[in-house]
Amino acid sequence: MSAPEERISTSLYELTDSLEQLIHQHVDEHGVLDDAFEAELLRLEGDWESKCINVALFAKGLATEGDAAKGAAQAIEAQAKQRRVWAETLYAQAERMLRYLDSQLQRREVGELKDPRARIHYRASSGVEIDRPDLVPAKYRKAPPKWDEMEPSKTLLKDAMKKANKGALSIGIPVPGSNGEKTKVQIAHVYHRRTLKVS
């Protein structure tokens, strides 16, 4: 959505009628003078000093209106910043209340509460947690444009654990100083959690 159009007021600065008329002929809806303005200004009747004074008054008016517009924009930005801070405060308070509800429901082993106004319940979710991203083999990494940008793929790791019917994936790492011995290191696992929801 475009900003509301504003026309520059020149009547406040005691411009001569001819200069004021010229300005309105050559200024667009955004207050910008076209390229023909200066040439037309030279053709106006009147002495050079009067022209300079009137042009200076017009420039002064532009700067004054610019200051006002800038001040209004700064006030809006400051208010927006305050509102963002307030929004984060409200979210934090809501999260704290949910943690309290969670503790109360778990204490009494209640999985759901509801009435016509609200429903308190748990939503089950699962995902992959990467324990050792530095040890994830290349076959479990995303195809990259460069080798050093290869990131572990949670989808590939999850598929591998599902195929092996395991909740975790480990690889063998050589033991330093041993004769080929390896130790298993868990590189990823599947987590399951319940998240409290209020609707």
N, C-alpha and C. Protein backbone atom coordinates (compact mmCIF):
# COMPACT_ATOMS: atom_id res chain seq x y z
N MET A 1 0.85 -1.18 0.00
CA MET A 1 0.00 0.00 0.00
C MET A 1 0.89 1.23 0.00
N SER A 2 0.65 2.16 -0.93
CA SER A 2 1.49 3.34 -1.03
C SER A 2 1.16 4.32 0.05
N ALA A 3 2.13 5.19 0.36
CA ALA A 3 1.94 6.19 1.38
C ALA A 3 0.96 7.24 0.88
N PRO A 4 0.19 7.88 1.77
CA PRO A 4 -0.76 8.90 1.36
C PRO A 4 -0.01 10.06 0.70
N GLU A 5 -0.57 10.61 -0.38
CA GLU A 5 0.07 11.69 -1.09
C GLU A 5 -0.07 12.98 -0.30
N GLU A 6 1.01 13.75 -0.27
CA GLU A 6 1.01 15.01 0.45
C GLU A 6 1.52 16.10 -0.47
N ARG A 7 0.81 17.21 -0.57
CA ARG A 7 1.24 18.34 -1.38
C ARG A 7 1.92 19.35 -0.48
N ILE A 8 2.95 19.98 -1.02
CA ILE A 8 3.70 20.97 -0.25
C ILE A 8 2.92 22.28 -0.21
N SER A 9 2.78 22.85 0.96
CA SER A 9 2.11 24.13 1.12
C SER A 9 3.11 25.26 0.94
N THR A 10 2.90 26.11 -0.08
CA THR A 10 3.83 27.21 -0.32
C THR A 10 3.27 28.54 0.13
N SER A 11 1.98 28.58 0.43
CA SER A 11 1.36 29.85 0.80
C SER A 11 1.84 30.37 2.13
N LEU A 12 2.47 29.52 2.94
CA LEU A 12 2.93 29.92 4.27
C LEU A 12 4.17 30.80 4.21
N TYR A 13 4.82 30.87 3.07
CA TYR A 13 6.12 31.52 3.01
C TYR A 13 6.14 32.78 2.15
N GLU A 14 5.00 33.40 1.95
CA GLU A 14 4.90 34.71 1.30
C GLU A 14 5.60 34.76 -0.05
N LEU A 15 5.39 33.75 -0.86
CA LEU A 15 5.97 33.74 -2.19
C LEU A 15 5.17 34.67 -3.10
N THR A 16 5.83 35.20 -4.09
CA THR A 16 5.11 36.00 -5.07
C THR A 16 4.13 35.10 -5.81
N ASP A 17 3.06 35.69 -6.30
CA ASP A 17 2.03 34.90 -6.99
C ASP A 17 2.61 34.13 -8.17
N SER A 18 3.50 34.75 -8.90
CA SER A 18 4.04 34.10 -10.09
C SER A 18 4.91 32.91 -9.73
N LEU A 19 5.72 33.05 -8.69
CA LEU A 19 6.58 31.94 -8.28
C LEU A 19 5.74 30.80 -7.68
N GLU A 20 4.73 31.17 -6.91
CA GLU A 20 3.87 30.14 -6.33
C GLU A 20 3.16 29.35 -7.41
N GLN A 21 2.68 30.09 -8.44
CA GLN A 21 2.00 29.41 -9.54
C GLN A 21 2.97 28.50 -10.29
N LEU A 22 4.19 28.97 -10.48
CA LEU A 22 5.20 28.18 -11.19
C LEU A 22 5.52 26.90 -10.43
N ILE A 23 5.64 27.00 -9.14
CA ILE A 23 5.95 25.83 -8.32
C ILE A 23 4.85 24.78 -8.45
N HIS A 24 3.61 25.22 -8.36
CA HIS A 24 2.50 24.27 -8.45
C HIS A 24 2.41 23.64 -9.84
N GLN A 25 2.90 24.33 -10.84
CA GLN A 25 2.88 23.78 -12.19
C GLN A 25 3.95 22.70 -12.40
N HIS A 26 5.03 22.82 -11.64
CA HIS A 26 6.17 21.93 -11.90
C HIS A 26 6.47 20.96 -10.75
N VAL A 27 5.63 20.91 -9.74
CA VAL A 27 5.85 19.96 -8.65
C VAL A 27 4.85 18.81 -8.78
N ASP A 28 5.33 17.58 -8.55
CA ASP A 28 4.42 16.43 -8.67
C ASP A 28 3.74 16.16 -7.33
N GLU A 29 2.96 15.06 -7.30
CA GLU A 29 2.19 14.78 -6.09
C GLU A 29 3.06 14.41 -4.90
N HIS A 30 4.32 14.11 -5.15
CA HIS A 30 5.23 13.77 -4.06
C HIS A 30 6.10 14.95 -3.64
N GLY A 31 5.84 16.11 -4.24
CA GLY A 31 6.60 17.30 -3.86
C GLY A 31 7.92 17.46 -4.58
N VAL A 32 8.12 16.74 -5.69
CA VAL A 32 9.38 16.79 -6.43
C VAL A 32 9.23 17.73 -7.62
N LEU A 33 10.17 18.68 -7.75
CA LEU A 33 10.16 19.62 -8.88
C LEU A 33 10.75 18.95 -10.11
N ASP A 34 10.15 19.21 -11.26
CA ASP A 34 10.67 18.60 -12.49
C ASP A 34 11.87 19.38 -13.03
N ASP A 35 12.46 18.85 -14.09
CA ASP A 35 13.68 19.44 -14.64
C ASP A 35 13.45 20.81 -15.28
N ALA A 36 12.23 21.12 -15.66
CA ALA A 36 11.96 22.39 -16.36
C ALA A 36 11.78 23.56 -15.41
N PHE A 37 11.75 23.28 -14.10
CA PHE A 37 11.46 24.34 -13.15
C PHE A 37 12.50 25.45 -13.19
N GLU A 38 13.77 25.12 -13.20
CA GLU A 38 14.82 26.13 -13.14
C GLU A 38 14.80 27.03 -14.37
N ALA A 39 14.58 26.42 -15.53
CA ALA A 39 14.53 27.21 -16.76
C ALA A 39 13.36 28.18 -16.72
N GLU A 40 12.22 27.73 -16.25
CA GLU A 40 11.05 28.60 -16.17
C GLU A 40 11.26 29.69 -15.12
N LEU A 41 11.98 29.37 -14.06
CA LEU A 41 12.24 30.36 -13.01
C LEU A 41 13.03 31.54 -13.56
N LEU A 42 13.96 31.29 -14.45
CA LEU A 42 14.77 32.37 -15.03
C LEU A 42 13.94 33.32 -15.87
N ARG A 43 12.81 32.84 -16.38
CA ARG A 43 11.97 33.67 -17.25
C ARG A 43 11.00 34.54 -16.46
N LEU A 44 10.89 34.28 -15.16
CA LEU A 44 9.96 35.08 -14.35
C LEU A 44 10.40 36.53 -14.29
N GLU A 45 9.43 37.42 -14.25
CA GLU A 45 9.74 38.83 -14.11
C GLU A 45 10.17 39.11 -12.67
N GLY A 46 10.94 40.16 -12.49
CA GLY A 46 11.38 40.52 -11.15
C GLY A 46 12.88 40.56 -11.07
N ASP A 47 13.37 41.27 -10.07
CA ASP A 47 14.82 41.40 -9.96
C ASP A 47 15.43 40.13 -9.39
N TRP A 48 16.71 39.99 -9.62
CA TRP A 48 17.45 38.79 -9.22
C TRP A 48 17.38 38.57 -7.72
N GLU A 49 17.48 39.62 -6.92
CA GLU A 49 17.48 39.49 -5.46
C GLU A 49 16.16 38.94 -4.94
N SER A 50 15.06 39.43 -5.49
CA SER A 50 13.74 38.97 -5.05
C SER A 50 13.56 37.48 -5.38
N LYS A 51 14.04 37.08 -6.56
CA LYS A 51 13.94 35.68 -6.93
C LYS A 51 14.70 34.81 -5.93
N CYS A 52 15.92 35.24 -5.59
CA CYS A 52 16.73 34.46 -4.66
C CYS A 52 16.05 34.34 -3.29
N ILE A 53 15.49 35.45 -2.81
CA ILE A 53 14.82 35.44 -1.51
C ILE A 53 13.63 34.49 -1.53
N ASN A 54 12.86 34.54 -2.60
CA ASN A 54 11.67 33.69 -2.68
C ASN A 54 12.04 32.20 -2.80
N VAL A 55 13.09 31.93 -3.58
CA VAL A 55 13.54 30.54 -3.68
C VAL A 55 14.06 30.06 -2.33
N ALA A 56 14.77 30.93 -1.59
CA ALA A 56 15.27 30.56 -0.27
C ALA A 56 14.13 30.27 0.69
N LEU A 57 13.06 31.09 0.60
CA LEU A 57 11.90 30.83 1.45
C LEU A 57 11.26 29.49 1.12
N PHE A 58 11.21 29.16 -0.15
CA PHE A 58 10.64 27.88 -0.55
C PHE A 58 11.49 26.73 -0.03
N ALA A 59 12.83 26.86 -0.15
CA ALA A 59 13.72 25.82 0.36
C ALA A 59 13.58 25.68 1.86
N LYS A 60 13.44 26.81 2.55
CA LYS A 60 13.25 26.79 4.00
C LYS A 60 11.97 26.04 4.37
N GLY A 61 10.93 26.29 3.58
CA GLY A 61 9.67 25.59 3.84
C GLY A 61 9.79 24.10 3.63
N LEU A 62 10.52 23.72 2.56
CA LEU A 62 10.73 22.29 2.31
C LEU A 62 11.45 21.63 3.48
N ALA A 63 12.51 22.29 3.98
CA ALA A 63 13.28 21.73 5.08
C ALA A 63 12.44 21.62 6.34
N THR A 64 11.59 22.61 6.59
CA THR A 64 10.72 22.58 7.78
C THR A 64 9.74 21.42 7.71
N GLU A 65 9.12 21.25 6.53
CA GLU A 65 8.19 20.13 6.38
C GLU A 65 8.92 18.80 6.44
N GLY A 66 10.16 18.76 5.93
CA GLY A 66 10.96 17.54 6.02
C GLY A 66 11.26 17.18 7.46
N ASP A 67 11.60 18.19 8.27
CA ASP A 67 11.85 17.94 9.70
C ASP A 67 10.61 17.38 10.39
N ALA A 68 9.45 17.94 10.03
CA ALA A 68 8.21 17.47 10.64
C ALA A 68 7.91 16.02 10.25
N ALA A 69 8.13 15.70 8.97
CA ALA A 69 7.89 14.33 8.50
C ALA A 69 8.86 13.36 9.16
N LYS A 70 10.13 13.76 9.31
CA LYS A 70 11.13 12.91 9.95
C LYS A 70 10.78 12.67 11.41
N GLY A 71 10.34 13.73 12.10
CA GLY A 71 9.96 13.59 13.51
C GLY A 71 8.78 12.65 13.68
N ALA A 72 7.81 12.75 12.76
CA ALA A 72 6.65 11.85 12.84
C ALA A 72 7.06 10.41 12.61
N ALA A 73 7.99 10.19 11.65
CA ALA A 73 8.47 8.83 11.37
C ALA A 73 9.22 8.26 12.57
N GLN A 74 10.04 9.08 13.22
CA GLN A 74 10.79 8.62 14.38
C GLN A 74 9.85 8.26 15.53
N ALA A 75 8.79 9.05 15.69
CA ALA A 75 7.82 8.75 16.74
C ALA A 75 7.12 7.42 16.49
N ILE A 76 6.79 7.16 15.20
CA ILE A 76 6.15 5.90 14.84
C ILE A 76 7.09 4.72 15.09
N GLU A 77 8.37 4.90 14.73
CA GLU A 77 9.36 3.83 14.94
C GLU A 77 9.55 3.55 16.43
N ALA A 78 9.58 4.61 17.25
CA ALA A 78 9.74 4.43 18.69
C ALA A 78 8.55 3.68 19.28
N GLN A 79 7.35 4.05 18.81
CA GLN A 79 6.14 3.37 19.30
C GLN A 79 6.13 1.91 18.87
N ALA A 80 6.57 1.65 17.62
CA ALA A 80 6.62 0.26 17.14
C ALA A 80 7.59 -0.56 17.97
N LYS A 81 8.73 0.02 18.33
CA LYS A 81 9.72 -0.68 19.14
C LYS A 81 9.14 -1.01 20.52
N GLN A 82 8.44 -0.05 21.11
CA GLN A 82 7.83 -0.28 22.41
C GLN A 82 6.80 -1.40 22.34
N ARG A 83 6.03 -1.41 21.26
CA ARG A 83 5.00 -2.45 21.10
C ARG A 83 5.63 -3.83 20.92
N ARG A 84 6.77 -3.89 20.19
CA ARG A 84 7.45 -5.18 20.02
C ARG A 84 7.97 -5.70 21.36
N VAL A 85 8.52 -4.80 22.18
CA VAL A 85 9.00 -5.19 23.50
C VAL A 85 7.83 -5.68 24.35
N TRP A 86 6.71 -4.97 24.29
CA TRP A 86 5.53 -5.36 25.07
C TRP A 86 5.00 -6.71 24.60
N ALA A 87 5.03 -6.94 23.29
CA ALA A 87 4.56 -8.23 22.76
C ALA A 87 5.42 -9.37 23.28
N GLU A 88 6.75 -9.19 23.31
CA GLU A 88 7.63 -10.22 23.83
C GLU A 88 7.38 -10.47 25.31
N THR A 89 7.06 -9.41 26.04
CA THR A 89 6.74 -9.56 27.47
C THR A 89 5.48 -10.39 27.65
N LEU A 90 4.48 -10.13 26.83
CA LEU A 90 3.22 -10.88 26.91
C LEU A 90 3.44 -12.35 26.56
N TYR A 91 4.23 -12.61 25.51
CA TYR A 91 4.53 -14.00 25.13
C TYR A 91 5.25 -14.73 26.27
N ALA A 92 6.18 -14.04 26.92
CA ALA A 92 6.93 -14.65 28.02
C ALA A 92 6.00 -14.98 29.19
N GLN A 93 5.07 -14.09 29.48
CA GLN A 93 4.11 -14.34 30.56
C GLN A 93 3.20 -15.51 30.22
N ALA A 94 2.77 -15.56 28.95
CA ALA A 94 1.91 -16.67 28.53
C ALA A 94 2.65 -18.00 28.64
N GLU A 95 3.93 -18.02 28.25
CA GLU A 95 4.73 -19.23 28.35
C GLU A 95 4.90 -19.67 29.79
N ARG A 96 5.05 -18.71 30.68
CA ARG A 96 5.19 -19.03 32.10
C ARG A 96 3.90 -19.66 32.64
N MET A 97 2.75 -19.14 32.21
CA MET A 97 1.47 -19.70 32.65
C MET A 97 1.28 -21.12 32.12
N LEU A 98 1.76 -21.36 30.89
CA LEU A 98 1.65 -22.71 30.33
C LEU A 98 2.53 -23.70 31.08
N ARG A 99 3.71 -23.25 31.49
CA ARG A 99 4.57 -24.13 32.28
C ARG A 99 3.92 -24.46 33.63
N TYR A 100 3.23 -23.50 34.20
CA TYR A 100 2.52 -23.74 35.46
C TYR A 100 1.40 -24.76 35.24
N LEU A 101 0.62 -24.57 34.16
CA LEU A 101 -0.46 -25.52 33.86
C LEU A 101 0.10 -26.92 33.63
N ASP A 102 1.23 -26.99 32.92
CA ASP A 102 1.85 -28.27 32.63
C ASP A 102 2.22 -29.00 33.92
N SER A 103 2.80 -28.27 34.85
CA SER A 103 3.21 -28.90 36.12
C SER A 103 1.99 -29.38 36.91
N GLN A 104 0.90 -28.60 36.87
CA GLN A 104 -0.30 -28.99 37.61
C GLN A 104 -0.96 -30.22 37.00
N LEU A 105 -1.04 -30.27 35.68
CA LEU A 105 -1.66 -31.42 35.01
C LEU A 105 -0.82 -32.68 35.21
N GLN A 106 0.50 -32.54 35.12
CA GLN A 106 1.35 -33.72 35.31
C GLN A 106 1.30 -34.21 36.76
N ARG A 107 1.18 -33.30 37.70
CA ARG A 107 1.11 -33.69 39.11
C ARG A 107 -0.11 -34.55 39.38
N ARG A 108 -1.22 -34.23 38.72
CA ARG A 108 -2.45 -34.99 38.93
C ARG A 108 -2.70 -36.01 37.82
N GLU A 109 -1.74 -36.13 36.90
CA GLU A 109 -1.83 -37.08 35.80
C GLU A 109 -3.10 -36.87 34.98
N VAL A 110 -3.37 -35.62 34.67
CA VAL A 110 -4.53 -35.26 33.85
C VAL A 110 -4.03 -34.90 32.45
N GLY A 111 -4.65 -35.49 31.43
CA GLY A 111 -4.21 -35.25 30.07
C GLY A 111 -4.99 -34.19 29.34
N GLU A 112 -6.18 -33.85 29.86
CA GLU A 112 -7.00 -32.88 29.14
C GLU A 112 -8.02 -32.25 30.08
N LEU A 113 -8.24 -30.97 29.89
CA LEU A 113 -9.30 -30.23 30.58
C LEU A 113 -9.99 -29.34 29.55
N LYS A 114 -11.30 -29.24 29.65
CA LYS A 114 -11.97 -28.36 28.70
C LYS A 114 -13.32 -27.91 29.23
N ASP A 115 -13.73 -26.75 28.74
CA ASP A 115 -15.08 -26.23 28.96
C ASP A 115 -15.42 -25.42 27.71
N PRO A 116 -16.58 -24.79 27.64
CA PRO A 116 -16.95 -24.07 26.41
C PRO A 116 -15.96 -22.96 26.02
N ARG A 117 -15.15 -22.48 26.95
CA ARG A 117 -14.26 -21.35 26.67
C ARG A 117 -12.86 -21.76 26.24
N ALA A 118 -12.38 -22.87 26.72
CA ALA A 118 -11.00 -23.26 26.42
C ALA A 118 -10.81 -24.76 26.54
N ARG A 119 -9.81 -25.25 25.82
CA ARG A 119 -9.42 -26.66 25.89
C ARG A 119 -7.93 -26.73 26.19
N ILE A 120 -7.58 -27.45 27.25
CA ILE A 120 -6.19 -27.65 27.63
C ILE A 120 -5.86 -29.11 27.32
N HIS A 121 -4.87 -29.32 26.46
CA HIS A 121 -4.56 -30.69 26.07
C HIS A 121 -3.09 -30.77 25.65
N TYR A 122 -2.64 -32.00 25.42
CA TYR A 122 -1.26 -32.23 25.00
C TYR A 122 -1.22 -32.68 23.55
N ARG A 123 -0.21 -32.21 22.84
CA ARG A 123 0.00 -32.65 21.46
C ARG A 123 1.33 -33.38 21.39
N ALA A 124 1.28 -34.61 20.90
CA ALA A 124 2.50 -35.41 20.80
C ALA A 124 3.29 -34.99 19.56
N SER A 125 4.60 -34.98 19.70
CA SER A 125 5.46 -34.65 18.56
C SER A 125 6.76 -35.44 18.68
N SER A 126 7.42 -35.60 17.58
CA SER A 126 8.70 -36.30 17.57
C SER A 126 9.61 -35.67 16.55
N GLY A 127 10.88 -35.94 16.68
CA GLY A 127 11.85 -35.38 15.75
C GLY A 127 13.20 -36.02 15.95
N VAL A 128 14.17 -35.52 15.24
CA VAL A 128 15.53 -36.05 15.31
C VAL A 128 16.44 -35.03 15.97
N GLU A 129 17.17 -35.49 16.96
CA GLU A 129 18.17 -34.66 17.63
C GLU A 129 19.55 -35.17 17.21
N ILE A 130 20.37 -34.29 16.67
CA ILE A 130 21.71 -34.67 16.23
C ILE A 130 22.68 -34.45 17.39
N ASP A 131 23.27 -35.53 17.86
CA ASP A 131 24.16 -35.45 19.02
C ASP A 131 25.59 -35.04 18.63
N ARG A 132 26.07 -35.58 17.52
CA ARG A 132 27.43 -35.29 17.08
C ARG A 132 27.42 -34.93 15.59
N PRO A 133 27.08 -33.71 15.25
CA PRO A 133 27.04 -33.33 13.83
C PRO A 133 28.39 -33.47 13.14
N ASP A 134 29.47 -33.38 13.91
CA ASP A 134 30.80 -33.49 13.32
C ASP A 134 31.14 -34.90 12.89
N LEU A 135 30.40 -35.90 13.42
CA LEU A 135 30.69 -37.29 13.10
C LEU A 135 29.69 -37.91 12.13
N VAL A 136 28.71 -37.15 11.70
CA VAL A 136 27.69 -37.70 10.79
C VAL A 136 28.33 -38.01 9.44
N PRO A 137 28.22 -39.26 8.97
CA PRO A 137 28.81 -39.65 7.68
C PRO A 137 28.21 -38.87 6.52
N ALA A 138 28.94 -38.79 5.43
CA ALA A 138 28.51 -38.03 4.25
C ALA A 138 27.18 -38.52 3.70
N LYS A 139 26.90 -39.84 3.83
CA LYS A 139 25.65 -40.37 3.26
C LYS A 139 24.42 -39.87 4.00
N TYR A 140 24.62 -39.29 5.17
CA TYR A 140 23.50 -38.74 5.93
C TYR A 140 23.51 -37.20 5.90
N ARG A 141 24.16 -36.64 4.90
CA ARG A 141 24.24 -35.19 4.78
C ARG A 141 23.52 -34.72 3.52
N LYS A 142 23.12 -33.46 3.54
CA LYS A 142 22.44 -32.88 2.39
C LYS A 142 23.44 -32.69 1.25
N ALA A 143 22.94 -32.83 0.03
CA ALA A 143 23.79 -32.60 -1.13
C ALA A 143 24.14 -31.12 -1.20
N PRO A 144 25.41 -30.78 -1.10
CA PRO A 144 25.80 -29.38 -1.01
C PRO A 144 26.45 -28.86 -2.30
N PRO A 145 26.50 -27.53 -2.44
CA PRO A 145 27.29 -26.99 -3.54
C PRO A 145 28.79 -27.13 -3.27
N LYS A 146 29.16 -27.17 -1.99
CA LYS A 146 30.56 -27.33 -1.60
C LYS A 146 30.63 -28.34 -0.46
N TRP A 147 31.75 -29.06 -0.37
CA TRP A 147 31.90 -30.07 0.67
C TRP A 147 31.79 -29.48 2.07
N ASP A 148 32.41 -28.31 2.31
CA ASP A 148 32.42 -27.75 3.66
C ASP A 148 31.08 -27.18 4.07
N GLU A 149 30.11 -27.17 3.12
CA GLU A 149 28.78 -26.68 3.46
C GLU A 149 27.79 -27.83 3.70
N MET A 150 28.28 -29.06 3.68
CA MET A 150 27.39 -30.20 3.88
C MET A 150 26.85 -30.20 5.30
N GLU A 151 25.56 -30.19 5.43
CA GLU A 151 24.92 -30.21 6.73
C GLU A 151 24.24 -31.57 6.94
N PRO A 152 24.25 -32.07 8.17
CA PRO A 152 23.54 -33.32 8.45
C PRO A 152 22.06 -33.19 8.11
N SER A 153 21.51 -34.22 7.51
CA SER A 153 20.10 -34.22 7.14
C SER A 153 19.30 -35.01 8.17
N LYS A 154 18.42 -34.34 8.88
CA LYS A 154 17.59 -35.04 9.86
C LYS A 154 16.66 -36.03 9.19
N THR A 155 16.25 -35.72 7.97
CA THR A 155 15.37 -36.63 7.23
C THR A 155 16.09 -37.94 6.91
N LEU A 156 17.34 -37.84 6.42
CA LEU A 156 18.10 -39.05 6.11
C LEU A 156 18.41 -39.84 7.37
N LEU A 157 18.73 -39.15 8.45
CA LEU A 157 19.02 -39.85 9.71
C LEU A 157 17.76 -40.54 10.24
N LYS A 158 16.64 -39.85 10.15
CA LYS A 158 15.39 -40.45 10.63
C LYS A 158 15.01 -41.68 9.81
N ASP A 159 15.19 -41.60 8.50
CA ASP A 159 14.89 -42.75 7.63
C ASP A 159 15.79 -43.93 7.97
N ALA A 160 17.06 -43.64 8.27
CA ALA A 160 18.00 -44.71 8.60
C ALA A 160 17.61 -45.39 9.91
N MET A 161 17.21 -44.62 10.90
CA MET A 161 16.79 -45.20 12.18
C MET A 161 15.49 -45.98 12.05
N LYS A 162 14.59 -45.46 11.21
CA LYS A 162 13.32 -46.15 10.99
C LYS A 162 13.56 -47.48 10.29
N LYS A 163 14.46 -47.47 9.31
CA LYS A 163 14.77 -48.70 8.58
C LYS A 163 15.40 -49.74 9.48
N ALA A 164 16.24 -49.27 10.41
CA ALA A 164 16.91 -50.19 11.35
C ALA A 164 16.04 -50.50 12.57
N ASN A 165 14.85 -49.86 12.62
CA ASN A 165 13.93 -50.03 13.75
C ASN A 165 14.63 -49.71 15.08
N LYS A 166 15.35 -48.60 15.08
CA LYS A 166 16.05 -48.17 16.28
C LYS A 166 15.74 -46.70 16.56
N GLY A 167 15.85 -46.37 17.83
CA GLY A 167 15.58 -44.99 18.22
C GLY A 167 16.83 -44.14 18.24
N ALA A 168 17.96 -44.73 17.92
CA ALA A 168 19.21 -43.99 17.91
C ALA A 168 20.12 -44.57 16.84
N LEU A 169 21.06 -43.75 16.39
CA LEU A 169 22.00 -44.19 15.37
C LEU A 169 23.42 -43.93 15.87
N SER A 170 24.24 -45.00 15.82
CA SER A 170 25.62 -44.90 16.29
C SER A 170 26.57 -45.35 15.19
N ILE A 171 27.80 -44.89 15.25
CA ILE A 171 28.83 -45.31 14.32
C ILE A 171 30.08 -45.71 15.11
N GLY A 172 30.90 -46.52 14.47
CA GLY A 172 32.14 -46.96 15.12
C GLY A 172 33.25 -45.95 14.90
N ILE A 173 33.91 -45.56 15.97
CA ILE A 173 35.02 -44.61 15.91
C ILE A 173 36.29 -45.32 16.39
N PRO A 174 37.37 -45.25 15.61
CA PRO A 174 38.62 -45.91 16.05
C PRO A 174 39.10 -45.38 17.40
N VAL A 175 39.56 -46.29 18.24
CA VAL A 175 40.08 -45.91 19.55
C VAL A 175 41.55 -45.54 19.39
N PRO A 176 41.92 -44.32 19.78
CA PRO A 176 43.32 -43.90 19.63
C PRO A 176 44.28 -44.84 20.39
N GLY A 177 45.36 -45.26 19.73
CA GLY A 177 46.37 -46.10 20.36
C GLY A 177 46.04 -47.58 20.37
N SER A 178 44.87 -47.94 19.84
CA SER A 178 44.48 -49.37 19.84
C SER A 178 44.84 -49.99 18.50
N ASN A 179 44.72 -51.29 18.44
CA ASN A 179 45.04 -52.03 17.22
C ASN A 179 43.76 -52.26 16.42
N GLY A 180 43.20 -51.16 15.89
CA GLY A 180 42.00 -51.28 15.07
C GLY A 180 40.71 -51.36 15.84
N GLU A 181 40.77 -51.21 17.16
CA GLU A 181 39.54 -51.26 17.95
C GLU A 181 38.68 -50.02 17.68
N LYS A 182 37.38 -50.24 17.79
CA LYS A 182 36.45 -49.13 17.58
C LYS A 182 35.47 -49.05 18.75
N THR A 183 35.02 -47.85 19.00
CA THR A 183 33.99 -47.65 20.01
C THR A 183 32.78 -47.00 19.36
N LYS A 184 31.63 -47.37 19.84
CA LYS A 184 30.41 -46.83 19.25
C LYS A 184 30.08 -45.47 19.87
N VAL A 185 29.76 -44.52 18.99
CA VAL A 185 29.38 -43.17 19.43
C VAL A 185 28.02 -42.84 18.82
N GLN A 186 27.09 -42.44 19.66
CA GLN A 186 25.77 -42.08 19.17
C GLN A 186 25.84 -40.73 18.48
N ILE A 187 25.37 -40.69 17.23
CA ILE A 187 25.42 -39.44 16.48
C ILE A 187 24.05 -38.76 16.38
N ALA A 188 22.99 -39.54 16.60
CA ALA A 188 21.65 -38.95 16.52
C ALA A 188 20.64 -39.87 17.21
N HIS A 189 19.52 -39.28 17.62
CA HIS A 189 18.46 -40.08 18.23
C HIS A 189 17.11 -39.43 17.96
N VAL A 190 16.07 -40.24 18.09
CA VAL A 190 14.71 -39.74 17.93
C VAL A 190 14.16 -39.36 19.29
N TYR A 191 13.59 -38.18 19.37
CA TYR A 191 12.98 -37.76 20.64
C TYR A 191 11.46 -37.74 20.49
N HIS A 192 10.80 -37.92 21.60
CA HIS A 192 9.34 -37.84 21.67
C HIS A 192 8.97 -36.90 22.81
N ARG A 193 8.10 -35.99 22.55
CA ARG A 193 7.69 -35.08 23.62
C ARG A 193 6.22 -34.73 23.48
N ARG A 194 5.66 -34.29 24.59
CA ARG A 194 4.28 -33.80 24.60
C ARG A 194 4.32 -32.30 24.88
N THR A 195 3.61 -31.55 24.06
CA THR A 195 3.59 -30.10 24.23
C THR A 195 2.19 -29.68 24.66
N LEU A 196 2.14 -28.89 25.72
CA LEU A 196 0.85 -28.42 26.22
C LEU A 196 0.29 -27.35 25.29
N LYS A 197 -0.98 -27.52 24.93
CA LYS A 197 -1.65 -26.57 24.05
C LYS A 197 -2.94 -26.07 24.69
N VAL A 198 -3.24 -24.81 24.44
CA VAL A 198 -4.49 -24.22 24.90
C VAL A 198 -5.21 -23.67 23.68
N SER A 199 -6.44 -24.14 23.47
CA SER A 199 -7.20 -23.67 22.31
C SER A 199 -8.62 -23.31 22.72
